[in-house]
Each structure stands twice: as C-alpha cells, then as structure tokens.
Amino acid sequence: MMSSASSTLERTPIRLGIGLASNAARLTARSAQTVTFWAAILLPLTYLPLLHGGLEQAEILRFAGLLVCNAFALVAGHGYGRD
C-alpha cells in the first residue's frame, strides 16, 4: 500500500511541472554558459580594430565596455565543458 501512495505522489501535476521547470532552467543555464564561454574567446578579436588606429576619446568608453563584457564572459563561461 505504501509503494502505490508514493508512486502516485511522484506523478502529480505539480511535481511534473517542477521537473519540467528544473530541466528548462538547467538547459537555459547550460546554453548561457556555452554562449559566454565562446564570447570570452571571441571578444578580444573586437579589440584589434579599436587598438589599430589608437584610442580616441570616444573609443575609450567603448573599449572599457568591451573589457567589462569580456571579464563577465570569462567568469560566466568558466565552467563550460566540465560536465
């Protein structure tokens, strides 16, 4: 009698919904980690055109923004491929 009660509890709509939400969150996190990993690799290529001609006053802010984005991507994508 106990096993049928526990198996009924495992199939409730709430538990199924939580399981689907958990899987969706895990997939979203893994996708975000993949994107940030590759962004961390590719973002330094965008520095080259800025640095080629020298940084003017207007480009300094853009360059600083790219550095911040690259630092974020390095941290967020750090665990990619460890699964």
PDB file of N, CA and C in Angstrom:
ATOM      1  N   MET A   1       0.823  -1.179   0.000  1.00  0.00           N
ATOM      2  CA  MET A   1       0.000   0.000   0.000  1.00  0.00           C
ATOM      3  C   MET A   1       0.876   1.255   0.000  1.00  0.00           C
ATOM      4  N   MET A   2       1.990   1.200   0.669  1.00  0.00           N
ATOM      5  CA  MET A   2       2.868   2.358   0.765  1.00  0.00           C
ATOM      6  C   MET A   2       3.497   2.705  -0.574  1.00  0.00           C
ATOM      7  N   SER A   3       3.877   1.697  -1.360  1.00  0.00           N
ATOM      8  CA  SER A   3       4.531   1.969  -2.626  1.00  0.00           C
ATOM      9  C   SER A   3       3.581   2.609  -3.626  1.00  0.00           C
ATOM     10  N   SER A   4       2.313   2.258  -3.617  1.00  0.00           N
ATOM     11  CA  SER A   4       1.369   2.872  -4.542  1.00  0.00           C
ATOM     12  C   SER A   4       1.100   4.318  -4.161  1.00  0.00           C
ATOM     13  N   ALA A   5       1.143   4.636  -2.892  1.00  0.00           N
ATOM     14  CA  ALA A   5       0.941   6.029  -2.459  1.00  0.00           C
ATOM     15  C   ALA A   5       2.118   6.893  -2.880  1.00  0.00           C
ATOM     16  N   SER A   6       3.340   6.373  -2.748  1.00  0.00           N
ATOM     17  CA  SER A   6       4.499   7.173  -3.133  1.00  0.00           C
ATOM     18  C   SER A   6       4.592   7.330  -4.644  1.00  0.00           C
ATOM     19  N   SER A   7       4.195   6.305  -5.413  1.00  0.00           N
ATOM     20  CA  SER A   7       4.244   6.440  -6.865  1.00  0.00           C
ATOM     21  C   SER A   7       3.177   7.411  -7.359  1.00  0.00           C
ATOM     22  N   THR A   8       2.038   7.494  -6.650  1.00  0.00           N
ATOM     23  CA  THR A   8       1.001   8.462  -7.014  1.00  0.00           C
ATOM     24  C   THR A   8       1.497   9.872  -6.756  1.00  0.00           C
ATOM     25  N   LEU A   9       2.237  10.079  -5.675  1.00  0.00           N
ATOM     26  CA  LEU A   9       2.754  11.394  -5.356  1.00  0.00           C
ATOM     27  C   LEU A   9       3.807  11.850  -6.363  1.00  0.00           C
ATOM     28  N   GLU A  10       4.529  10.912  -6.920  1.00  0.00           N
ATOM     29  CA  GLU A  10       5.583  11.263  -7.870  1.00  0.00           C
ATOM     30  C   GLU A  10       5.021  11.759  -9.197  1.00  0.00           C
ATOM     31  N   ARG A  11       3.782  11.437  -9.498  1.00  0.00           N
ATOM     32  CA  ARG A  11       3.216  11.799 -10.798  1.00  0.00           C
ATOM     33  C   ARG A  11       2.222  12.952 -10.721  1.00  0.00           C
ATOM     34  N   THR A  12       2.209  13.703  -9.667  1.00  0.00           N
ATOM     35  CA  THR A  12       1.260  14.806  -9.563  1.00  0.00           C
ATOM     36  C   THR A  12       1.641  15.907 -10.549  1.00  0.00           C
ATOM     37  N   PRO A  13       0.661  16.657 -11.005  1.00  0.00           N
ATOM     38  CA  PRO A  13       0.951  17.740 -11.960  1.00  0.00           C
ATOM     39  C   PRO A  13       1.949  18.763 -11.422  1.00  0.00           C
ATOM     40  N   ILE A  14       1.913  19.021 -10.138  1.00  0.00           N
ATOM     41  CA  ILE A  14       2.849  19.984  -9.555  1.00  0.00           C
ATOM     42  C   ILE A  14       4.277  19.460  -9.656  1.00  0.00           C
ATOM     43  N   ARG A  15       4.471  18.199  -9.321  1.00  0.00           N
ATOM     44  CA  ARG A  15       5.815  17.621  -9.411  1.00  0.00           C
ATOM     45  C   ARG A  15       6.296  17.555 -10.863  1.00  0.00           C
ATOM     46  N   LEU A  16       5.392  17.235 -11.773  1.00  0.00           N
ATOM     47  CA  LEU A  16       5.774  17.218 -13.186  1.00  0.00           C
ATOM     48  C   LEU A  16       6.145  18.621 -13.655  1.00  0.00           C
ATOM     49  N   GLY A  17       5.388  19.615 -13.234  1.00  0.00           N
ATOM     50  CA  GLY A  17       5.683  20.996 -13.594  1.00  0.00           C
ATOM     51  C   GLY A  17       7.011  21.460 -13.034  1.00  0.00           C
ATOM     52  N   ILE A  18       7.283  21.084 -11.788  1.00  0.00           N
ATOM     53  CA  ILE A  18       8.565  21.444 -11.176  1.00  0.00           C
ATOM     54  C   ILE A  18       9.714  20.762 -11.912  1.00  0.00           C
ATOM     55  N   GLY A  19       9.503  19.511 -12.295  1.00  0.00           N
ATOM     56  CA  GLY A  19      10.537  18.791 -13.040  1.00  0.00           C
ATOM     57  C   GLY A  19      10.797  19.431 -14.395  1.00  0.00           C
ATOM     58  N   LEU A  20       9.743  19.828 -15.094  1.00  0.00           N
ATOM     59  CA  LEU A  20       9.911  20.497 -16.389  1.00  0.00           C
ATOM     60  C   LEU A  20      10.593  21.844 -16.224  1.00  0.00           C
ATOM     61  N   ALA A  21      10.212  22.593 -15.202  1.00  0.00           N
ATOM     62  CA  ALA A  21      10.844  23.897 -14.957  1.00  0.00           C
ATOM     63  C   ALA A  21      12.315  23.724 -14.603  1.00  0.00           C
ATOM     64  N   SER A  22      12.618  22.701 -13.825  1.00  0.00           N
ATOM     65  CA  SER A  22      14.006  22.443 -13.456  1.00  0.00           C
ATOM     66  C   SER A  22      14.837  22.079 -14.680  1.00  0.00           C
ATOM     67  N   ASN A  23      14.297  21.248 -15.543  1.00  0.00           N
ATOM     68  CA  ASN A  23      15.012  20.884 -16.771  1.00  0.00           C
ATOM     69  C   ASN A  23      15.198  22.090 -17.682  1.00  0.00           C
ATOM     70  N   ALA A  24      14.171  22.930 -17.786  1.00  0.00           N
ATOM     71  CA  ALA A  24      14.276  24.129 -18.620  1.00  0.00           C
ATOM     72  C   ALA A  24      15.321  25.088 -18.058  1.00  0.00           C
ATOM     73  N   ALA A  25      15.351  25.246 -16.740  1.00  0.00           N
ATOM     74  CA  ALA A  25      16.345  26.127 -16.115  1.00  0.00           C
ATOM     75  C   ALA A  25      17.756  25.590 -16.327  1.00  0.00           C
ATOM     76  N   ARG A  26      17.930  24.287 -16.213  1.00  0.00           N
ATOM     77  CA  ARG A  26      19.240  23.669 -16.415  1.00  0.00           C
ATOM     78  C   ARG A  26      19.705  23.850 -17.862  1.00  0.00           C
ATOM     79  N   LEU A  27      18.789  23.664 -18.817  1.00  0.00           N
ATOM     80  CA  LEU A  27      19.123  23.841 -20.230  1.00  0.00           C
ATOM     81  C   LEU A  27      19.463  25.302 -20.532  1.00  0.00           C
ATOM     82  N   THR A  28      18.716  26.229 -19.943  1.00  0.00           N
ATOM     83  CA  THR A  28      18.984  27.651 -20.145  1.00  0.00           C
ATOM     84  C   THR A  28      20.339  28.029 -19.573  1.00  0.00           C
ATOM     85  N   ALA A  29      20.651  27.544 -18.385  1.00  0.00           N
ATOM     86  CA  ALA A  29      21.943  27.844 -17.763  1.00  0.00           C
ATOM     87  C   ALA A  29      23.087  27.269 -18.579  1.00  0.00           C
ATOM     88  N   ARG A  30      22.922  26.059 -19.080  1.00  0.00           N
ATOM     89  CA  ARG A  30      23.973  25.438 -19.889  1.00  0.00           C
ATOM     90  C   ARG A  30      24.171  26.204 -21.204  1.00  0.00           C
ATOM     91  N   SER A  31      23.079  26.635 -21.814  1.00  0.00           N
ATOM     92  CA  SER A  31      23.176  27.414 -23.050  1.00  0.00           C
ATOM     93  C   SER A  31      23.856  28.755 -22.803  1.00  0.00           C
ATOM     94  N   ALA A  32      23.485  29.415 -21.707  1.00  0.00           N
ATOM     95  CA  ALA A  32      24.107  30.695 -21.372  1.00  0.00           C
ATOM     96  C   ALA A  32      25.595  30.521 -21.105  1.00  0.00           C
ATOM     97  N   GLN A  33      25.951  29.432 -20.457  1.00  0.00           N
ATOM     98  CA  GLN A  33      27.367  29.182 -20.177  1.00  0.00           C
ATOM     99  C   GLN A  33      28.140  28.928 -21.467  1.00  0.00           C
ATOM    100  N   THR A  34      27.537  28.232 -22.412  1.00  0.00           N
ATOM    101  CA  THR A  34      28.176  27.994 -23.707  1.00  0.00           C
ATOM    102  C   THR A  34      28.394  29.310 -24.452  1.00  0.00           C
ATOM    103  N   VAL A  35      27.369  30.143 -24.476  1.00  0.00           N
ATOM    104  CA  VAL A  35      27.470  31.424 -25.184  1.00  0.00           C
ATOM    105  C   VAL A  35      28.533  32.311 -24.541  1.00  0.00           C
ATOM    106  N   THR A  36      28.550  32.385 -23.214  1.00  0.00           N
ATOM    107  CA  THR A  36      29.530  33.250 -22.561  1.00  0.00           C
ATOM    108  C   THR A  36      30.948  32.712 -22.697  1.00  0.00           C
ATOM    109  N   PHE A  37      31.102  31.401 -22.732  1.00  0.00           N
ATOM    110  CA  PHE A  37      32.430  30.819 -22.953  1.00  0.00           C
ATOM    111  C   PHE A  37      32.983  31.257 -24.311  1.00  0.00           C
ATOM    112  N   TRP A  38      32.166  31.099 -25.353  1.00  0.00           N
ATOM    113  CA  TRP A  38      32.634  31.464 -26.686  1.00  0.00           C
ATOM    114  C   TRP A  38      32.761  32.972 -26.845  1.00  0.00           C
ATOM    115  N   ALA A  39      31.926  33.727 -26.151  1.00  0.00           N
ATOM    116  CA  ALA A  39      32.064  35.185 -26.184  1.00  0.00           C
ATOM    117  C   ALA A  39      33.397  35.598 -25.566  1.00  0.00           C
ATOM    118  N   ALA A  40      33.796  34.930 -24.493  1.00  0.00           N
ATOM    119  CA  ALA A  40      35.079  35.240 -23.851  1.00  0.00           C
ATOM    120  C   ALA A  40      36.245  34.968 -24.797  1.00  0.00           C
ATOM    121  N   ILE A  41      36.087  34.001 -25.653  1.00  0.00           N
ATOM    122  CA  ILE A  41      37.144  33.687 -26.609  1.00  0.00           C
ATOM    123  C   ILE A  41      37.152  34.684 -27.773  1.00  0.00           C
ATOM    124  N   LEU A  42      35.978  35.051 -28.264  1.00  0.00           N
ATOM    125  CA  LEU A  42      35.892  35.867 -29.467  1.00  0.00           C
ATOM    126  C   LEU A  42      35.927  37.374 -29.216  1.00  0.00           C
ATOM    127  N   LEU A  43      35.528  37.826 -28.045  1.00  0.00           N
ATOM    128  CA  LEU A  43      35.513  39.269 -27.777  1.00  0.00           C
ATOM    129  C   LEU A  43      36.874  39.951 -27.937  1.00  0.00           C
ATOM    130  N   PRO A  44      37.975  39.335 -27.554  1.00  0.00           N
ATOM    131  CA  PRO A  44      39.260  40.022 -27.766  1.00  0.00           C
ATOM    132  C   PRO A  44      39.544  40.355 -29.230  1.00  0.00           C
ATOM    133  N   LEU A  45      38.923  39.658 -30.164  1.00  0.00           N
ATOM    134  CA  LEU A  45      39.110  39.988 -31.578  1.00  0.00           C
ATOM    135  C   LEU A  45      38.529  41.362 -31.908  1.00  0.00           C
ATOM    136  N   THR A  46      37.551  41.789 -31.135  1.00  0.00           N
ATOM    137  CA  THR A  46      36.960  43.110 -31.381  1.00  0.00           C
ATOM    138  C   THR A  46      37.858  44.236 -30.880  1.00  0.00           C
ATOM    139  N   TYR A  47      38.844  43.919 -30.061  1.00  0.00           N
ATOM    140  CA  TYR A  47      39.778  44.952 -29.591  1.00  0.00           C
ATOM    141  C   TYR A  47      40.698  45.430 -30.707  1.00  0.00           C
ATOM    142  N   LEU A  48      41.016  44.532 -31.621  1.00  0.00           N
ATOM    143  CA  LEU A  48      42.012  44.830 -32.643  1.00  0.00           C
ATOM    144  C   LEU A  48      41.677  46.057 -33.488  1.00  0.00           C
ATOM    145  N   PRO A  49      40.474  46.174 -34.041  1.00  0.00           N
ATOM    146  CA  PRO A  49      40.182  47.377 -34.820  1.00  0.00           C
ATOM    147  C   PRO A  49      40.242  48.658 -33.981  1.00  0.00           C
ATOM    148  N   LEU A  50      39.849  48.570 -32.723  1.00  0.00           N
ATOM    149  CA  LEU A  50      39.913  49.749 -31.854  1.00  0.00           C
ATOM    150  C   LEU A  50      41.356  50.147 -31.561  1.00  0.00           C
ATOM    151  N   LEU A  51      42.188  49.160 -31.313  1.00  0.00           N
ATOM    152  CA  LEU A  51      43.570  49.449 -30.948  1.00  0.00           C
ATOM    153  C   LEU A  51      44.448  49.792 -32.153  1.00  0.00           C
ATOM    154  N   HIS A  52      44.026  49.364 -33.325  1.00  0.00           N
ATOM    155  CA  HIS A  52      44.832  49.579 -34.529  1.00  0.00           C
ATOM    156  C   HIS A  52      45.091  51.066 -34.808  1.00  0.00           C
ATOM    157  N   GLY A  53      44.056  51.853 -34.716  1.00  0.00           N
ATOM    158  CA  GLY A  53      44.217  53.267 -35.013  1.00  0.00           C
ATOM    159  C   GLY A  53      44.494  54.116 -33.790  1.00  0.00           C
ATOM    160  N   GLY A  54      44.619  53.504 -32.650  1.00  0.00           N
ATOM    161  CA  GLY A  54      44.784  54.266 -31.418  1.00  0.00           C
ATOM    162  C   GLY A  54      43.422  54.622 -30.848  1.00  0.00           C
ATOM    163  N   LEU A  55      43.357  54.725 -29.566  1.00  0.00           N
ATOM    164  CA  LEU A  55      42.080  55.018 -28.924  1.00  0.00           C
ATOM    165  C   LEU A  55      41.880  56.521 -28.811  1.00  0.00           C
ATOM    166  N   GLU A  56      40.825  57.009 -29.425  1.00  0.00           N
ATOM    167  CA  GLU A  56      40.447  58.404 -29.267  1.00  0.00           C
ATOM    168  C   GLU A  56      39.516  58.507 -28.071  1.00  0.00           C
ATOM    169  N   GLN A  57      39.166  59.704 -27.704  1.00  0.00           N
ATOM    170  CA  GLN A  57      38.340  59.929 -26.520  1.00  0.00           C
ATOM    171  C   GLN A  57      37.025  59.146 -26.589  1.00  0.00           C
ATOM    172  N   ALA A  58      36.354  59.154 -27.730  1.00  0.00           N
ATOM    173  CA  ALA A  58      35.065  58.467 -27.869  1.00  0.00           C
ATOM    174  C   ALA A  58      35.227  56.949 -27.822  1.00  0.00           C
ATOM    175  N   GLU A  59      36.356  56.433 -28.213  1.00  0.00           N
ATOM    176  CA  GLU A  59      36.555  54.983 -28.266  1.00  0.00           C
ATOM    177  C   GLU A  59      37.000  54.401 -26.933  1.00  0.00           C
ATOM    178  N   ILE A  60      37.457  55.224 -26.031  1.00  0.00           N
ATOM    179  CA  ILE A  60      37.905  54.719 -24.730  1.00  0.00           C
ATOM    180  C   ILE A  60      36.753  54.084 -23.969  1.00  0.00           C
ATOM    181  N   LEU A  61      35.589  54.717 -23.992  1.00  0.00           N
ATOM    182  CA  LEU A  61      34.422  54.175 -23.303  1.00  0.00           C
ATOM    183  C   LEU A  61      33.983  52.859 -23.948  1.00  0.00           C
ATOM    184  N   ARG A  62      34.018  52.793 -25.263  1.00  0.00           N
ATOM    185  CA  ARG A  62      33.667  51.561 -25.970  1.00  0.00           C
ATOM    186  C   ARG A  62      34.651  50.441 -25.622  1.00  0.00           C
ATOM    187  N   PHE A  63      35.920  50.757 -25.583  1.00  0.00           N
ATOM    188  CA  PHE A  63      36.938  49.771 -25.237  1.00  0.00           C
ATOM    189  C   PHE A  63      36.759  49.280 -23.800  1.00  0.00           C
ATOM    190  N   ALA A  64      36.474  50.198 -22.883  1.00  0.00           N
ATOM    191  CA  ALA A  64      36.240  49.818 -21.483  1.00  0.00           C
ATOM    192  C   ALA A  64      35.007  48.921 -21.370  1.00  0.00           C
ATOM    193  N   GLY A  65      33.964  49.230 -22.135  1.00  0.00           N
ATOM    194  CA  GLY A  65      32.766  48.383 -22.137  1.00  0.00           C
ATOM    195  C   GLY A  65      33.063  46.987 -22.642  1.00  0.00           C
ATOM    196  N   LEU A  66      33.885  46.888 -23.671  1.00  0.00           N
ATOM    197  CA  LEU A  66      34.277  45.572 -24.182  1.00  0.00           C
ATOM    198  C   LEU A  66      35.087  44.789 -23.148  1.00  0.00           C
ATOM    199  N   LEU A  67      35.958  45.484 -22.428  1.00  0.00           N
ATOM    200  CA  LEU A  67      36.731  44.809 -21.377  1.00  0.00           C
ATOM    201  C   LEU A  67      35.825  44.287 -20.264  1.00  0.00           C
ATOM    202  N   VAL A  68      34.829  45.072 -19.886  1.00  0.00           N
ATOM    203  CA  VAL A  68      33.883  44.637 -18.852  1.00  0.00           C
ATOM    204  C   VAL A  68      33.084  43.434 -19.349  1.00  0.00           C
ATOM    205  N   CYS A  69      32.606  43.499 -20.587  1.00  0.00           N
ATOM    206  CA  CYS A  69      31.868  42.361 -21.159  1.00  0.00           C
ATOM    207  C   CYS A  69      32.733  41.113 -21.226  1.00  0.00           C
ATOM    208  N   ASN A  70      33.995  41.277 -21.578  1.00  0.00           N
ATOM    209  CA  ASN A  70      34.898  40.140 -21.654  1.00  0.00           C
ATOM    210  C   ASN A  70      35.160  39.544 -20.274  1.00  0.00           C
ATOM    211  N   ALA A  71      35.322  40.398 -19.275  1.00  0.00           N
ATOM    212  CA  ALA A  71      35.519  39.908 -17.903  1.00  0.00           C
ATOM    213  C   ALA A  71      34.287  39.143 -17.423  1.00  0.00           C
ATOM    214  N   PHE A  72      33.101  39.672 -17.715  1.00  0.00           N
ATOM    215  CA  PHE A  72      31.873  38.964 -17.346  1.00  0.00           C
ATOM    216  C   PHE A  72      31.796  37.617 -18.049  1.00  0.00           C
ATOM    217  N   ALA A  73      32.099  37.593 -19.339  1.00  0.00           N
ATOM    218  CA  ALA A  73      32.041  36.347 -20.105  1.00  0.00           C
ATOM    219  C   ALA A  73      33.047  35.325 -19.578  1.00  0.00           C
ATOM    220  N   LEU A  74      34.213  35.794 -19.166  1.00  0.00           N
ATOM    221  CA  LEU A  74      35.221  34.875 -18.587  1.00  0.00           C
ATOM    222  C   LEU A  74      34.698  34.227 -17.315  1.00  0.00           C
ATOM    223  N   VAL A  75      34.046  34.995 -16.475  1.00  0.00           N
ATOM    224  CA  VAL A  75      33.541  34.465 -15.203  1.00  0.00           C
ATOM    225  C   VAL A  75      32.336  33.553 -15.448  1.00  0.00           C
ATOM    226  N   ALA A  76      31.392  34.011 -16.277  1.00  0.00           N
ATOM    227  CA  ALA A  76      30.160  33.256 -16.507  1.00  0.00           C
ATOM    228  C   ALA A  76      30.398  31.971 -17.299  1.00  0.00           C
ATOM    229  N   GLY A  77      31.368  31.970 -18.196  1.00  0.00           N
ATOM    230  CA  GLY A  77      31.613  30.786 -19.012  1.00  0.00           C
ATOM    231  C   GLY A  77      32.708  29.896 -18.496  1.00  0.00           C
ATOM    232  N   HIS A  78      33.195  30.182 -17.306  1.00  0.00           N
ATOM    233  CA  HIS A  78      34.347  29.481 -16.748  1.00  0.00           C
ATOM    234  C   HIS A  78      34.164  27.967 -16.646  1.00  0.00           C
ATOM    235  N   GLY A  79      32.977  27.503 -16.276  1.00  0.00           N
ATOM    236  CA  GLY A  79      32.768  26.065 -16.064  1.00  0.00           C
ATOM    237  C   GLY A  79      32.345  25.301 -17.291  1.00  0.00           C
ATOM    238  N   TYR A  80      32.349  25.916 -18.459  1.00  0.00           N
ATOM    239  CA  TYR A  80      31.898  25.248 -19.679  1.00  0.00           C
ATOM    240  C   TYR A  80      32.766  24.022 -19.966  1.00  0.00           C
ATOM    241  N   GLY A  81      32.115  22.920 -20.314  1.00  0.00           N
ATOM    242  CA  GLY A  81      32.818  21.713 -20.711  1.00  0.00           C
ATOM    243  C   GLY A  81      33.291  20.840 -19.557  1.00  0.00           C
ATOM    244  N   ARG A  82      32.914  21.181 -18.340  1.00  0.00           N
ATOM    245  CA  ARG A  82      33.346  20.379 -17.194  1.00  0.00           C
ATOM    246  C   ARG A  82      32.370  19.271 -16.840  1.00  0.00           C
ATOM    247  N   ASP A  83      31.245  19.212 -17.514  1.00  0.00           N
ATOM    248  CA  ASP A  83      30.229  18.190 -17.191  1.00  0.00           C
ATOM    249  C   ASP A  83      30.666  16.846 -17.684  1.00  0.00           C
TER     250      ASP A  83
END
